[in-house]
C-alpha atoms as a PDB file:
ATOM      1  CA  MET A   1      51.612  99.883  95.136  1.00  0.00           C
ATOM      2  CA  ARG A   2      51.321  96.047  94.184  1.00  0.00           C
ATOM      3  CA  GLN A   3      50.894  97.148  90.433  1.00  0.00           C
ATOM      4  CA  THR A   4      53.615  99.896  90.989  1.00  0.00           C
ATOM      5  CA  ALA A   5      55.672  96.953  92.390  1.00  0.00           C
ATOM      6  CA  SER A   6      54.849  94.372  89.851  1.00  0.00           C
ATOM      7  CA  ALA A   7      55.880  96.806  86.836  1.00  0.00           C
ATOM      8  CA  ALA A   8      59.294  97.727  88.270  1.00  0.00           C
ATOM      9  CA  ARG A   9      60.028  94.227  88.427  1.00  0.00           C
ATOM     10  CA  ASP A  10      58.379  93.465  84.700  1.00  0.00           C
ATOM     11  CA  ALA A  11      60.634  96.683  83.991  1.00  0.00           C
ATOM     12  CA  THR A  12      63.873  95.682  85.336  1.00  0.00           C
ATOM     13  CA  GLU A  13      63.579  92.241  83.860  1.00  0.00           C
ATOM     14  CA  THR A  14      62.593  93.793  80.545  1.00  0.00           C
ATOM     15  CA  LEU A  15      66.096  95.977  80.668  1.00  0.00           C
ATOM     16  CA  GLN A  16      67.910  93.180  81.662  1.00  0.00           C
ATOM     17  CA  ARG A  17      66.596  91.145  78.914  1.00  0.00           C
ATOM     18  CA  GLY A  18      67.594  94.355  76.508  1.00  0.00           C
ATOM     19  CA  THR A  19      64.183  94.596  74.826  1.00  0.00           C
ATOM     20  CA  GLN A  20      62.269  97.583  74.549  1.00  0.00           C
ATOM     21  CA  LEU A  21      59.787  98.678  77.307  1.00  0.00           C
ATOM     22  CA  PRO A  22      56.300  99.672  76.897  1.00  0.00           C
ATOM     23  CA  ALA A  23      55.586 103.640  77.511  1.00  0.00           C
ATOM     24  CA  GLN A  24      53.410 103.137  80.912  1.00  0.00           C
ATOM     25  CA  ALA A  25      56.344 100.754  82.274  1.00  0.00           C
ATOM     26  CA  GLN A  26      59.214 103.023  81.318  1.00  0.00           C
ATOM     27  CA  THR A  27      57.379 105.732  83.373  1.00  0.00           C
ATOM     28  CA  GLU A  28      56.921 104.108  86.329  1.00  0.00           C
ATOM     29  CA  THR A  29      60.346 102.249  86.096  1.00  0.00           C
ATOM     30  CA  ASN A  30      61.579 106.270  86.214  1.00  0.00           C
ATOM     31  CA  VAL A  31      59.253 107.266  88.788  1.00  0.00           C
ATOM     32  CA  ILE A  32      60.340 104.345  90.795  1.00  0.00           C
ATOM     33  CA  GLN A  33      64.155 105.243  90.211  1.00  0.00           C
ATOM     34  CA  LEU A  34      63.588 108.750  90.872  1.00  0.00           C
ATOM     35  CA  GLU A  35      61.960 107.996  94.384  1.00  0.00           C
ATOM     36  CA  ARG A  36      64.916 105.483  95.310  1.00  0.00           C
ATOM     37  CA  TYR A  37      67.352 108.521  94.340  1.00  0.00           C
ATOM     38  CA  ARG A  38      65.332 110.915  96.447  1.00  0.00           C
ATOM     39  CA  THR A  39      65.324 108.378  99.410  1.00  0.00           C
ATOM     40  CA  GLU A  40      68.993 107.933  98.924  1.00  0.00           C
ATOM     41  CA  ARG A  41      69.693 111.749  98.943  1.00  0.00           C
ATOM     42  CA  LEU A  42      67.366 112.049 102.176  1.00  0.00           C
ATOM     43  CA  ASP A  43      68.826 109.302 104.010  1.00  0.00           C
ATOM     44  CA  GLU A  44      72.124 111.099 103.208  1.00  0.00           C
ATOM     45  CA  SER A  45      71.188 114.149 104.761  1.00  0.00           C
ATOM     46  CA  VAL A  46      69.661 112.689 107.488  1.00  0.00           C
ATOM     47  CA  SER A  47      72.993 111.192 108.292  1.00  0.00           C
ATOM     48  CA  ALA A  48      74.945 114.239 107.501  1.00  0.00           C
ATOM     49  CA  VAL A  49      72.173 116.268 110.235  1.00  0.00           C
ATOM     50  CA  ARG A  50      72.993 113.329 112.968  1.00  0.00           C
ATOM     51  CA  HIS A  51      76.738 113.697 112.338  1.00  0.00           C
ATOM     52  CA  ARG A  52      76.205 117.467 112.761  1.00  0.00           C
ATOM     53  CA  LEU A  53      74.177 117.419 115.611  1.00  0.00           C
ATOM     54  CA  SER A  54      76.433 114.903 117.520  1.00  0.00           C
ATOM     55  CA  GLU A  55      79.420 117.451 117.160  1.00  0.00           C
ATOM     56  CA  LEU A  56      77.565 120.387 118.161  1.00  0.00           C
ATOM     57  CA  GLN A  57      76.605 118.168 121.357  1.00  0.00           C
ATOM     58  CA  ARG A  58      80.237 117.447 121.749  1.00  0.00           C
ATOM     59  CA  ALA A  59      81.311 120.655 121.548  1.00  0.00           C
ATOM     60  CA  ARG A  60      78.252 122.361 123.832  1.00  0.00           C
ATOM     61  CA  ILE A  61      79.895 119.726 126.601  1.00  0.00           C
ATOM     62  CA  GLN A  62      83.275 121.092 126.046  1.00  0.00           C
ATOM     63  CA  THR A  63      82.211 124.842 126.505  1.00  0.00           C
ATOM     64  CA  GLU A  64      80.198 123.553 129.640  1.00  0.00           C
ATOM     65  CA  LEU A  65      83.269 121.921 130.624  1.00  0.00           C
ATOM     66  CA  SER A  66      85.429 125.038 130.029  1.00  0.00           C
ATOM     67  CA  ALA A  67      83.115 127.562 131.515  1.00  0.00           C
ATOM     68  CA  GLY A  68      83.028 125.023 134.599  1.00  0.00           C
ATOM     69  CA  ARG A  69      86.732 125.610 134.824  1.00  0.00           C
ATOM     70  CA  LEU A  70      86.815 129.313 134.175  1.00  0.00           C
ATOM     71  CA  LEU A  71      84.174 129.917 136.667  1.00  0.00           C
ATOM     72  CA  ARG A  72      86.248 128.044 139.340  1.00  0.00           C
ATOM     73  CA  GLU A  73      89.022 129.897 138.469  1.00  0.00           C
ATOM     74  CA  LEU A  74      87.041 133.080 138.527  1.00  0.00           C
ATOM     75  CA  ALA A  75      85.853 132.149 142.410  1.00  0.00           C
ATOM     76  CA  ALA A  76      89.510 131.713 143.344  1.00  0.00           C
ATOM     77  CA  LEU A  77      90.931 134.819 141.984  1.00  0.00           C
ATOM     78  CA  GLN A  78      88.061 136.502 143.998  1.00  0.00           C
ATOM     79  CA  ARG A  79      88.784 134.811 147.079  1.00  0.00           C
ATOM     80  CA  GLU A  80      92.634 135.625 146.529  1.00  0.00           C
ATOM     81  CA  LEU A  81      91.702 139.390 146.064  1.00  0.00           C
ATOM     82  CA  ARG A  82      89.341 139.487 149.107  1.00  0.00           C
ATOM     83  CA  ASP A  83      92.489 138.080 151.159  1.00  0.00           C
ATOM     84  CA  CYS A  84      94.678 140.435 149.839  1.00  0.00           C
ATOM     85  CA  ARG A  85      92.995 143.283 150.516  1.00  0.00           C
ATOM     86  CA  ALA A  86      92.385 141.906 153.663  1.00  0.00           C
ATOM     87  CA  ARG A  87      96.082 141.428 154.623  1.00  0.00           C
ATOM     88  CA  MET A  88      96.569 145.325 153.296  1.00  0.00           C
ATOM     89  CA  VAL A  89      93.926 146.012 155.640  1.00  0.00           C
ATOM     90  CA  ASP A  90      95.843 144.436 158.438  1.00  0.00           C
ATOM     91  CA  CYS A  91      99.289 145.745 157.471  1.00  0.00           C
ATOM     92  CA  CYS A  92      97.536 149.420 157.506  1.00  0.00           C
ATOM     93  CA  VAL A  93      98.422 149.894 154.120  1.00  0.00           C
ATOM     94  CA  ILE A  94      94.610 150.511 152.810  1.00  0.00           C
ATOM     95  CA  ASP A  95      91.710 151.648 155.258  1.00  0.00           C
ATOM     96  CA  GLU A  96      88.909 149.085 155.815  1.00  0.00           C
ATOM     97  CA  GLY A  97      86.464 151.612 153.851  1.00  0.00           C
ATOM     98  CA  ALA A  98      88.172 150.535 150.314  1.00  0.00           C
ATOM     99  CA  ARG A  99      87.319 147.193 150.472  1.00  0.00           C
END
């Protein structure tokens, strides 16, 4: 790794001076640049996945909250229906067996 880092420094200095690199140094420089490019792309991918995960977690929470509201509304409607049926039985509009 030290040799590669040293070669990269030498290659960078050579490029800055505008002189030609030896073939091995050029190859090592290309490998280092490729690794940097891959690392940047991987970092971007990780960032995008984290962002999407955050969005999905937020959506899950909203869905759970909506589901909770809907369940409470359903329970209230079921209670109201039972009360209506009970009143209808009390008023002799329907038989007790119609429940």
